[in-house]
């Protein structure tokens, strides 16, 4: 899966979890590594960039 992400956003992967990270490294969204769709990841990334309803209140660093 290689979703089209806004500039600076990237995915951090491990066997169970897929984290969508903002340019500053904070977490924009988390997904099950097994159930995440490319469309869902893209929607979360672009929604977050626009200041959408994705939570901005936590960081899993």
Protein backbone atom coordinates (compact mmCIF):
# COMPACT_ATOMS: atom_id res chain seq x y z
CA UNK A 1 0.00 0.00 0.00
CA UNK A 2 1.40 3.37 -1.04
CA UNK A 3 -1.29 5.99 -0.40
CA UNK A 4 -0.98 9.53 -1.74
CA UNK A 5 -0.26 11.63 1.31
CA UNK A 6 0.03 15.39 1.82
CA UNK A 7 3.59 16.76 1.81
CA UNK A 8 5.50 15.76 4.93
CA UNK A 9 3.01 13.11 6.10
CA UNK A 10 4.33 9.57 6.32
CA UNK A 11 3.41 6.11 7.54
CA UNK A 12 5.14 4.27 10.34
CA UNK A 13 4.52 0.53 10.09
CA UNK A 14 4.90 -2.41 12.39
CA UNK A 15 3.28 -5.86 12.20
CA UNK A 16 0.10 -4.80 14.03
CA UNK A 17 -0.19 -1.03 13.74
CA UNK A 18 0.00 1.59 11.04
CA UNK A 19 0.55 5.16 12.27
CA UNK A 20 -0.06 8.18 10.10
CA UNK A 21 2.39 10.88 11.16
CA UNK A 22 2.29 14.59 10.51
CA UNK A 23 5.35 16.53 9.32
CA UNK A 24 6.16 17.37 12.98
CA UNK A 25 6.13 13.65 13.89
CA UNK A 26 2.91 13.70 15.91
CA UNK A 27 0.31 11.03 15.21
CA UNK A 28 -2.62 12.03 13.02
CA UNK A 29 -4.32 8.60 12.97
CA UNK A 30 -3.75 4.95 13.81
CA UNK A 31 -4.96 1.92 11.87
CA UNK A 32 -4.85 -1.82 12.17
CA UNK A 33 -2.01 -2.93 9.92
CA UNK A 34 -4.19 -5.78 8.67
CA UNK A 35 -7.39 -3.85 8.01
CA UNK A 36 -6.26 -0.43 6.80
CA UNK A 37 -7.26 0.52 3.28
CA UNK A 38 -5.36 2.94 1.12
CA UNK A 39 -8.52 5.04 0.78
CA UNK A 40 -9.00 5.29 4.57
CA UNK A 41 -5.39 6.36 5.12
CA UNK A 42 -5.59 8.99 2.38
CA UNK A 43 -8.91 10.30 3.72
CA UNK A 44 -7.48 10.61 7.23
CA UNK A 45 -4.32 12.35 6.02
CA UNK A 46 -6.04 14.91 3.81
CA UNK A 47 -8.77 15.48 6.40
CA UNK A 48 -6.16 16.09 9.08
CA UNK A 49 -4.27 18.50 6.86
CA UNK A 50 -7.45 20.50 6.31
CA UNK A 51 -8.05 20.55 10.06
CA UNK A 52 -10.83 17.99 9.84
CA UNK A 53 -12.32 15.85 12.56
CA UNK A 54 -9.25 13.67 13.11
CA UNK A 55 -8.04 14.08 16.68
CA UNK A 56 -4.94 16.20 17.13
CA UNK A 57 -4.71 15.64 20.87
CA UNK A 58 -2.36 12.68 21.22
CA UNK A 59 1.12 11.67 20.31
CA UNK A 60 2.41 8.10 20.41
CA UNK A 61 6.12 8.82 20.19
